């Protein structure tokens, strides 16, 4: 097993007034040659957006984009004709493909919205853009990991998918739990990101927003303390 630690304090930061952001990988004005991506995971931004503010209409191309609000709600609109509210407890998946424009605005005029914005490099370019969203809560089991996004080739009807051999899993732990994650493909890598709480991975203690990238293994043992929530992103290594 090989690993690389990414403590929360090592992330890039940005303050645009209306947006407070933490960058796990190089993004916008934050550039770190040692943090360009991990496997096919290109972006993991931890954002807080002020009331009634947000990301106005802007384009994307050939990227798989996953958005997970942590608190509050986003008002979504895109050039495919989709519009609606993505709130805490939901997950949004968008394939930019051959090109799409969208906006994501805080739906509240009084409260901030916090969210994770995640980009995965696709395994197929110039596909038709697409949009989907679902509630996360019904997909999760307590004290274990649940896969919530899969590759297109493996997703069943009504399951969320992206154009990449990648898997997103979330673990929610109400009590101390010793568990494990078996990789779908042993040649893949896994990015373990602690949303909240404390976990132990390969003798490394990770706290809130700490992360560890792991590869050259087919199974990861994890001990999670109570009130912990963990995001796992498995992708091809190269």
Protein backbone atom coordinates (compact mmCIF):
# COMPACT_ATOMS: atom_id res chain seq x y z
CA UNK A 1 0.00 0.00 0.00
CA UNK A 2 1.22 3.47 -0.90
CA UNK A 3 -0.21 6.68 0.47
CA UNK A 4 0.01 10.46 0.47
CA UNK A 5 -1.36 12.66 3.25
CA UNK A 6 -3.24 15.88 2.56
CA UNK A 7 -3.93 17.61 5.92
CA UNK A 8 -6.80 20.10 5.91
CA UNK A 9 -4.36 22.90 6.70
CA UNK A 10 -2.37 22.18 3.52
CA UNK A 11 -5.23 23.07 1.17
CA UNK A 12 -5.25 26.20 -0.95
CA UNK A 13 -7.50 29.04 0.18
CA UNK A 14 -9.43 31.83 -1.49
CA UNK A 15 -11.54 34.71 -0.21
CA UNK A 16 -13.63 36.48 -2.84
CA UNK A 17 -15.82 38.21 -0.29
CA UNK A 18 -18.98 36.39 -1.31
CA UNK A 19 -17.12 33.05 -1.58
CA UNK A 20 -14.83 31.38 0.94
CA UNK A 21 -13.09 28.37 -0.63
CA UNK A 22 -10.64 25.63 0.27
CA UNK A 23 -8.95 23.80 -2.61
CA UNK A 24 -7.63 20.24 -2.27
CA UNK A 25 -6.04 20.56 -5.72
CA UNK A 26 -4.77 23.39 -7.92
CA UNK A 27 -7.69 25.59 -8.94
CA UNK A 28 -8.23 29.19 -10.06
CA UNK A 29 -5.44 31.32 -8.54
CA UNK A 30 -4.15 28.47 -6.36
CA UNK A 31 -1.39 26.50 -8.07
CA UNK A 32 0.63 23.74 -6.43
CA UNK A 33 2.64 21.52 -8.80
CA UNK A 34 2.38 18.71 -6.25
CA UNK A 35 -1.41 19.03 -6.09
CA UNK A 36 -2.58 18.94 -9.71
CA UNK A 37 -4.87 15.92 -9.28
CA UNK A 38 -5.05 12.45 -7.74
CA UNK A 39 -5.77 9.74 -10.25
CA UNK A 40 -8.65 11.10 -12.32
CA UNK A 41 -9.86 13.29 -9.43
CA UNK A 42 -9.11 16.81 -10.59
CA UNK A 43 -11.02 19.12 -8.21
CA UNK A 44 -12.35 18.90 -4.67
CA UNK A 45 -13.41 22.36 -3.53
CA UNK A 46 -14.92 23.09 -0.13
CA UNK A 47 -17.02 26.24 -0.64
CA UNK A 48 -19.13 28.63 1.42
CA UNK A 49 -21.28 31.04 -0.57
CA UNK A 50 -22.95 34.14 0.88
CA UNK A 51 -26.75 34.63 0.75
CA UNK A 52 -28.15 35.33 -2.75
CA UNK A 53 -24.66 35.05 -4.25
CA UNK A 54 -23.08 32.32 -6.33
CA UNK A 55 -21.58 31.18 -9.59
CA UNK A 56 -23.24 32.99 -12.47
CA UNK A 57 -23.69 31.54 -15.94
CA UNK A 58 -20.40 29.99 -17.07
CA UNK A 59 -19.27 27.19 -19.43
CA UNK A 60 -17.72 23.75 -18.90
CA UNK A 61 -16.53 21.11 -21.33
CA UNK A 62 -15.35 17.50 -21.04
CA UNK A 63 -15.57 17.20 -17.26
CA UNK A 64 -17.73 15.16 -14.88
CA UNK A 65 -18.98 17.52 -12.16
CA UNK A 66 -20.44 16.37 -8.84
CA UNK A 67 -21.88 18.85 -6.33
CA UNK A 68 -22.81 17.93 -2.76
CA UNK A 69 -24.38 20.71 -0.65
CA UNK A 70 -23.55 20.34 3.05
CA UNK A 71 -25.94 23.00 4.33
CA UNK A 72 -28.42 25.31 2.66
CA UNK A 73 -29.52 25.07 -0.97
CA UNK A 74 -28.40 26.02 -4.48
CA UNK A 75 -30.59 27.31 -7.29
CA UNK A 76 -29.51 25.53 -10.48
CA UNK A 77 -30.05 26.51 -14.11
CA UNK A 78 -28.32 25.21 -17.25
CA UNK A 79 -28.32 25.45 -21.03
CA UNK A 80 -29.94 22.00 -21.29
CA UNK A 81 -33.15 23.47 -19.86
CA UNK A 82 -32.76 22.07 -16.35
CA UNK A 83 -33.61 24.27 -13.36
CA UNK A 84 -34.42 23.64 -9.73
CA UNK A 85 -33.13 23.54 -6.18
CA UNK A 86 -30.28 21.32 -4.96
CA UNK A 87 -30.36 21.24 -1.18
CA UNK A 88 -28.46 19.72 1.70
CA UNK A 89 -29.09 15.98 1.50
CA UNK A 90 -29.02 16.01 -2.31
CA UNK A 91 -26.26 15.20 -4.79
CA UNK A 92 -26.01 16.74 -8.27
CA UNK A 93 -24.19 15.09 -11.20
CA UNK A 94 -23.50 16.86 -14.49
CA UNK A 95 -21.56 15.63 -17.52
CA UNK A 96 -20.28 18.74 -19.31
CA UNK A 97 -19.29 16.69 -22.35
CA UNK A 98 -19.34 18.65 -25.63
CA UNK A 99 -20.21 21.82 -23.72
CA UNK A 100 -22.72 23.20 -21.25
CA UNK A 101 -23.39 26.47 -19.45
CA UNK A 102 -24.84 26.60 -15.97
CA UNK A 103 -25.30 28.76 -12.89
CA UNK A 104 -25.39 27.80 -9.22
CA UNK A 105 -26.74 30.52 -6.91
CA UNK A 106 -27.44 30.43 -3.18
CA UNK A 107 -31.20 29.95 -2.98
CA UNK A 108 -31.40 31.79 0.36
CA UNK A 109 -31.30 35.55 0.82
CA UNK A 110 -30.40 35.20 4.51
CA UNK A 111 -28.21 32.11 5.05
CA UNK A 112 -24.95 30.92 3.47
CA UNK A 113 -24.75 27.65 1.56
CA UNK A 114 -21.82 25.27 1.96
CA UNK A 115 -20.93 22.63 -0.60
CA UNK A 116 -18.35 20.33 -2.11
CA UNK A 117 -17.65 20.82 -5.81
CA UNK A 118 -15.87 17.82 -7.33
CA UNK A 119 -14.52 17.32 -10.85
CA UNK A 120 -13.49 13.99 -12.36
CA UNK A 121 -11.68 13.76 -15.70
CA UNK A 122 -13.89 11.67 -18.03
CA UNK A 123 -12.87 8.55 -19.93
CA UNK A 124 -14.85 9.70 -22.96
CA UNK A 125 -14.90 13.22 -24.39
CA UNK A 126 -17.45 15.16 -26.45
CA UNK A 127 -20.40 13.19 -25.07
CA UNK A 128 -23.86 14.75 -24.96
CA UNK A 129 -24.20 16.91 -21.84
CA UNK A 130 -26.48 15.51 -19.15
CA UNK A 131 -27.83 16.39 -15.71
CA UNK A 132 -29.15 14.39 -12.77
CA UNK A 133 -29.72 14.80 -9.05
CA UNK A 134 -30.99 12.66 -6.19
CA UNK A 135 -31.40 12.65 -2.43
CA UNK A 136 -28.43 11.08 -0.66
CA UNK A 137 -30.10 10.06 2.61
CA UNK A 138 -32.15 7.13 1.23
CA UNK A 139 -28.97 5.73 -0.33
CA UNK A 140 -26.94 5.60 2.89
CA UNK A 141 -26.63 2.90 5.55
CA UNK A 142 -25.51 3.74 9.06
CA UNK A 143 -22.04 2.64 10.18
CA UNK A 144 -20.94 1.51 6.72
CA UNK A 145 -20.01 2.82 3.29
CA UNK A 146 -22.58 3.20 0.54
CA UNK A 147 -21.68 3.75 -3.12
CA UNK A 148 -23.73 6.61 -4.54
CA UNK A 149 -22.09 7.25 -7.94
CA UNK A 150 -20.83 4.58 -10.34
CA UNK A 151 -19.45 4.30 -13.88
CA UNK A 152 -22.09 4.41 -16.60
CA UNK A 153 -21.36 0.79 -17.53
CA UNK A 154 -22.24 -0.45 -14.04
CA UNK A 155 -25.12 1.77 -12.95
CA UNK A 156 -28.57 0.30 -12.65
CA UNK A 157 -31.75 2.16 -13.51
CA UNK A 158 -32.15 5.29 -11.34
CA UNK A 159 -28.56 5.11 -10.07
CA UNK A 160 -26.25 8.08 -10.49
CA UNK A 161 -23.36 7.62 -12.91
CA UNK A 162 -20.50 9.41 -14.64
CA UNK A 163 -18.34 8.88 -17.74
CA UNK A 164 -15.38 7.40 -15.87
CA UNK A 165 -14.49 4.16 -14.10
CA UNK A 166 -14.99 5.97 -10.80
CA UNK A 167 -17.00 5.33 -7.65
CA UNK A 168 -18.17 7.80 -5.00
CA UNK A 169 -19.00 6.30 -1.61
CA UNK A 170 -20.11 7.96 1.62
CA UNK A 171 -19.78 6.48 5.09
CA UNK A 172 -21.89 7.76 7.96
CA UNK A 173 -20.95 6.52 11.42
CA UNK A 174 -23.10 7.17 14.49
CA UNK A 175 -20.85 5.01 16.66
CA UNK A 176 -17.26 3.82 16.64
CA UNK A 177 -16.94 1.31 13.81
CA UNK A 178 -14.18 -0.87 12.40
CA UNK A 179 -14.89 -1.38 8.72
CA UNK A 180 -13.17 -1.69 5.36
CA UNK A 181 -13.51 -0.58 1.77
CA UNK A 182 -12.76 -3.06 -1.02
CA UNK A 183 -11.71 -1.42 -4.26
CA UNK A 184 -13.80 -2.18 -7.31
CA UNK A 185 -10.53 -2.47 -9.25
CA UNK A 186 -7.21 -3.16 -7.50
CA UNK A 187 -5.33 -1.01 -10.04
CA UNK A 188 -7.36 2.03 -8.92
CA UNK A 189 -6.56 4.60 -6.25
CA UNK A 190 -8.85 5.97 -3.52
CA UNK A 191 -9.04 9.47 -2.07
CA UNK A 192 -10.33 9.32 1.51
CA UNK A 193 -11.73 12.69 2.65
CA UNK A 194 -13.09 13.26 6.16
CA UNK A 195 -16.18 15.47 6.00
CA UNK A 196 -16.65 15.41 9.77
CA UNK A 197 -15.29 13.49 12.74
CA UNK A 198 -12.14 11.40 13.13
CA UNK A 199 -10.97 8.19 11.46
CA UNK A 200 -7.91 5.96 11.52
CA UNK A 201 -6.52 4.72 8.19
CA UNK A 202 -3.29 2.70 7.94
CA UNK A 203 -2.14 4.04 11.33
CA UNK A 204 -2.85 7.62 10.23
CA UNK A 205 -5.34 9.66 12.25
CA UNK A 206 -7.45 11.94 10.09
CA UNK A 207 -9.67 14.70 11.44
CA UNK A 208 -12.25 17.00 9.84
CA UNK A 209 -11.31 17.84 6.21
CA UNK A 210 -8.07 15.85 6.34
CA UNK A 211 -7.51 13.48 3.41
CA UNK A 212 -5.30 10.60 2.35
CA UNK A 213 -4.69 9.22 -1.11
CA UNK A 214 -4.08 5.45 -1.24
CA UNK A 215 -3.02 3.09 -4.03
CA UNK A 216 -1.33 -0.27 -4.64
CA UNK A 217 -3.88 -2.14 -2.54
CA UNK A 218 -7.25 -3.80 -3.02
CA UNK A 219 -8.65 -3.10 0.43
CA UNK A 220 -8.52 -0.29 2.99
CA UNK A 221 -9.20 -0.81 6.71
CA UNK A 222 -10.84 2.14 8.44
CA UNK A 223 -11.77 2.77 12.06
CA UNK A 224 -14.29 5.60 12.32
CA UNK A 225 -15.23 7.33 15.54
CA UNK A 226 -18.87 8.13 16.29
CA UNK A 227 -20.42 11.13 14.53
CA UNK A 228 -18.05 10.78 11.58
CA UNK A 229 -18.82 11.20 7.89
CA UNK A 230 -16.37 10.17 5.19
CA UNK A 231 -16.24 10.57 1.41
CA UNK A 232 -14.33 8.02 -0.68
CA UNK A 233 -13.56 8.67 -4.35
CA UNK A 234 -12.11 5.73 -6.28
CA UNK A 235 -10.72 6.35 -9.79
CA UNK A 236 -8.16 4.89 -12.16
CA UNK A 237 -4.66 5.82 -11.02
CA UNK A 238 -3.49 6.92 -14.48
